[in-house]
Structures are given as C-alpha cells and as structure tokens.
C-alpha cells in the first residue's frame, strides 16, 4: 500500500494526462487495500480536479463491487459476509 501511495504522490502533479491517470489508478488500488488513503482524495477536492476525483470514486466502486463476483458463492452472500465481518 505504501508503494501505491508513493506512486500516487509521484504522479499527482504530472504534466501529462497519462501520468495523472496513473496517480488515480494507484490511489484506487491503495483504497481497495485499506480505507486510509481516502484522505488523499481531499487533494483533488482542494484543487478542484473533479474529473480525477470522479475517476477515483467510480473506479473504487467498480473494483469493490467487482470483487464480490470473484469469490466463490453468490455476490449477495459475499456482500453479506463482507458487511458482517
């Protein structure tokens, strides 16, 4: 997770678009491992970079919901087990 946060910080102010999306991807992966990196979303909010903030939100949601389909069992049962744990 620390490596992903480091990649995010490295590419956050990248001059090109691809670098900025590398930062978004690294932040999403870090958030999917642990909730603490959500704090870095405030950087996007502070700088009014709505497209990147939306990318973080929607991609994190997609990764989180997509993981319910990967594990054995029905997605509803996986969600229930996740919430109860």
C-alpha atoms as a PDB file:
ATOM      1  CA  UNK A   1       0.000   0.000   0.000  1.00  0.00           C
ATOM      2  CA  UNK A   2       2.850   2.401   0.795  1.00  0.00           C
ATOM      3  CA  UNK A   3       4.266   1.845  -2.673  1.00  0.00           C
ATOM      4  CA  UNK A   4       0.917   2.698  -4.255  1.00  0.00           C
ATOM      5  CA  UNK A   5       0.609   5.879  -2.197  1.00  0.00           C
ATOM      6  CA  UNK A   6       4.154   6.770  -3.249  1.00  0.00           C
ATOM      7  CA  UNK A   7       3.257   6.280  -6.919  1.00  0.00           C
ATOM      8  CA  UNK A   8       0.189   8.469  -6.386  1.00  0.00           C
ATOM      9  CA  UNK A   9       2.261  11.253  -4.847  1.00  0.00           C
ATOM     10  CA  UNK A  10       4.871  10.955  -7.599  1.00  0.00           C
ATOM     11  CA  UNK A  11       2.371  11.330 -10.435  1.00  0.00           C
ATOM     12  CA  UNK A  12      -0.210  13.610  -8.757  1.00  0.00           C
ATOM     13  CA  UNK A  13       1.071  16.810 -10.415  1.00  0.00           C
ATOM     14  CA  UNK A  14       2.183  15.174 -13.642  1.00  0.00           C
ATOM     15  CA  UNK A  15       2.298  17.399 -16.691  1.00  0.00           C
ATOM     16  CA  UNK A  16       0.667  14.835 -18.969  1.00  0.00           C
ATOM     17  CA  UNK A  17      -2.727  13.206 -18.749  1.00  0.00           C
ATOM     18  CA  UNK A  18      -1.412   9.635 -18.638  1.00  0.00           C
ATOM     19  CA  UNK A  19       0.663  10.395 -15.558  1.00  0.00           C
ATOM     20  CA  UNK A  20      -2.348  11.854 -13.777  1.00  0.00           C
ATOM     21  CA  UNK A  21      -4.369   8.705 -14.509  1.00  0.00           C
ATOM     22  CA  UNK A  22      -1.505   6.579 -13.189  1.00  0.00           C
ATOM     23  CA  UNK A  23      -1.930   8.549  -9.952  1.00  0.00           C
ATOM     24  CA  UNK A  24      -5.683   7.871  -9.961  1.00  0.00           C
ATOM     25  CA  UNK A  25      -5.135   4.156 -10.553  1.00  0.00           C
ATOM     26  CA  UNK A  26      -2.551   3.921  -7.784  1.00  0.00           C
ATOM     27  CA  UNK A  27      -4.884   5.710  -5.376  1.00  0.00           C
ATOM     28  CA  UNK A  28      -7.790   3.412  -6.254  1.00  0.00           C
ATOM     29  CA  UNK A  29      -5.680   0.316  -5.676  1.00  0.00           C
ATOM     30  CA  UNK A  30      -4.448   1.717  -2.363  1.00  0.00           C
ATOM     31  CA  UNK A  31      -8.020   2.489  -1.298  1.00  0.00           C
ATOM     32  CA  UNK A  32      -9.116  -1.026  -2.250  1.00  0.00           C
ATOM     33  CA  UNK A  33      -6.464  -2.417   0.112  1.00  0.00           C
ATOM     34  CA  UNK A  34      -7.139  -0.056   3.007  1.00  0.00           C
ATOM     35  CA  UNK A  35      -9.519   2.882   3.550  1.00  0.00           C
ATOM     36  CA  UNK A  36      -6.886   5.277   4.940  1.00  0.00           C
ATOM     37  CA  UNK A  37      -5.689   6.590   1.514  1.00  0.00           C
ATOM     38  CA  UNK A  38      -9.134   8.168   1.014  1.00  0.00           C
ATOM     39  CA  UNK A  39      -7.588  11.163   2.778  1.00  0.00           C
ATOM     40  CA  UNK A  40      -5.671  11.890  -0.429  1.00  0.00           C
ATOM     41  CA  UNK A  41      -8.978  12.496  -2.237  1.00  0.00           C
ATOM     42  CA  UNK A  42      -9.066  15.852  -0.456  1.00  0.00           C
ATOM     43  CA  UNK A  43      -6.121  16.928  -2.643  1.00  0.00           C
ATOM     44  CA  UNK A  44      -8.320  16.511  -5.715  1.00  0.00           C
ATOM     45  CA  UNK A  45     -11.170  18.286  -3.940  1.00  0.00           C
ATOM     46  CA  UNK A  46      -8.920  21.179  -2.858  1.00  0.00           C
ATOM     47  CA  UNK A  47      -7.518  21.632  -6.375  1.00  0.00           C
ATOM     48  CA  UNK A  48     -10.986  21.299  -7.936  1.00  0.00           C
ATOM     49  CA  UNK A  49      -9.888  18.400 -10.127  1.00  0.00           C
ATOM     50  CA  UNK A  50     -13.356  16.916 -10.402  1.00  0.00           C
ATOM     51  CA  UNK A  51     -12.604  14.529 -13.280  1.00  0.00           C
ATOM     52  CA  UNK A  52      -9.848  12.777 -11.333  1.00  0.00           C
ATOM     53  CA  UNK A  53     -11.944  12.746  -8.153  1.00  0.00           C
ATOM     54  CA  UNK A  54     -14.832  11.176 -10.057  1.00  0.00           C
ATOM     55  CA  UNK A  55     -12.434   8.672 -11.588  1.00  0.00           C
ATOM     56  CA  UNK A  56     -11.242   7.666  -8.131  1.00  0.00           C
ATOM     57  CA  UNK A  57     -14.805   7.319  -6.831  1.00  0.00           C
ATOM     58  CA  UNK A  58     -16.248   5.333  -9.734  1.00  0.00           C
ATOM     59  CA  UNK A  59     -13.227   3.102 -10.224  1.00  0.00           C
ATOM     60  CA  UNK A  60     -13.021   2.314  -6.492  1.00  0.00           C
ATOM     61  CA  UNK A  61     -16.727   1.486  -6.525  1.00  0.00           C
ATOM     62  CA  UNK A  62     -16.269  -0.748  -9.581  1.00  0.00           C
ATOM     63  CA  UNK A  63     -13.285  -2.550  -8.029  1.00  0.00           C
ATOM     64  CA  UNK A  64     -15.118  -3.033  -4.734  1.00  0.00           C
ATOM     65  CA  UNK A  65     -18.298  -4.348  -6.323  1.00  0.00           C
ATOM     66  CA  UNK A  66     -16.362  -6.375  -8.884  1.00  0.00           C
ATOM     67  CA  UNK A  67     -14.553  -8.227  -6.136  1.00  0.00           C
ATOM     68  CA  UNK A  68     -17.890  -9.607  -4.931  1.00  0.00           C
ATOM     69  CA  UNK A  69     -18.156 -11.579  -8.176  1.00  0.00           C
ATOM     70  CA  UNK A  70     -14.664 -13.071  -7.947  1.00  0.00           C
ATOM     71  CA  UNK A  71     -15.048 -15.052  -4.749  1.00  0.00           C
ATOM     72  CA  UNK A  72     -16.886 -18.341  -4.506  1.00  0.00           C
ATOM     73  CA  UNK A  73     -20.606 -18.003  -3.880  1.00  0.00           C
ATOM     74  CA  UNK A  74     -23.251 -15.548  -4.933  1.00  0.00           C
ATOM     75  CA  UNK A  75     -22.392 -11.829  -4.886  1.00  0.00           C
ATOM     76  CA  UNK A  76     -25.195 -11.171  -2.380  1.00  0.00           C
ATOM     77  CA  UNK A  77     -23.778 -13.749   0.030  1.00  0.00           C
ATOM     78  CA  UNK A  78     -20.284 -12.313  -0.401  1.00  0.00           C
ATOM     79  CA  UNK A  79     -21.594  -8.813   0.323  1.00  0.00           C
ATOM     80  CA  UNK A  80     -23.389 -10.065   3.417  1.00  0.00           C
ATOM     81  CA  UNK A  81     -20.243 -11.831   4.663  1.00  0.00           C
ATOM     82  CA  UNK A  82     -18.193  -8.695   3.980  1.00  0.00           C
ATOM     83  CA  UNK A  83     -20.579  -6.471   5.918  1.00  0.00           C
ATOM     84  CA  UNK A  84     -20.816  -8.869   8.850  1.00  0.00           C
ATOM     85  CA  UNK A  85     -17.055  -9.255   9.225  1.00  0.00           C
END
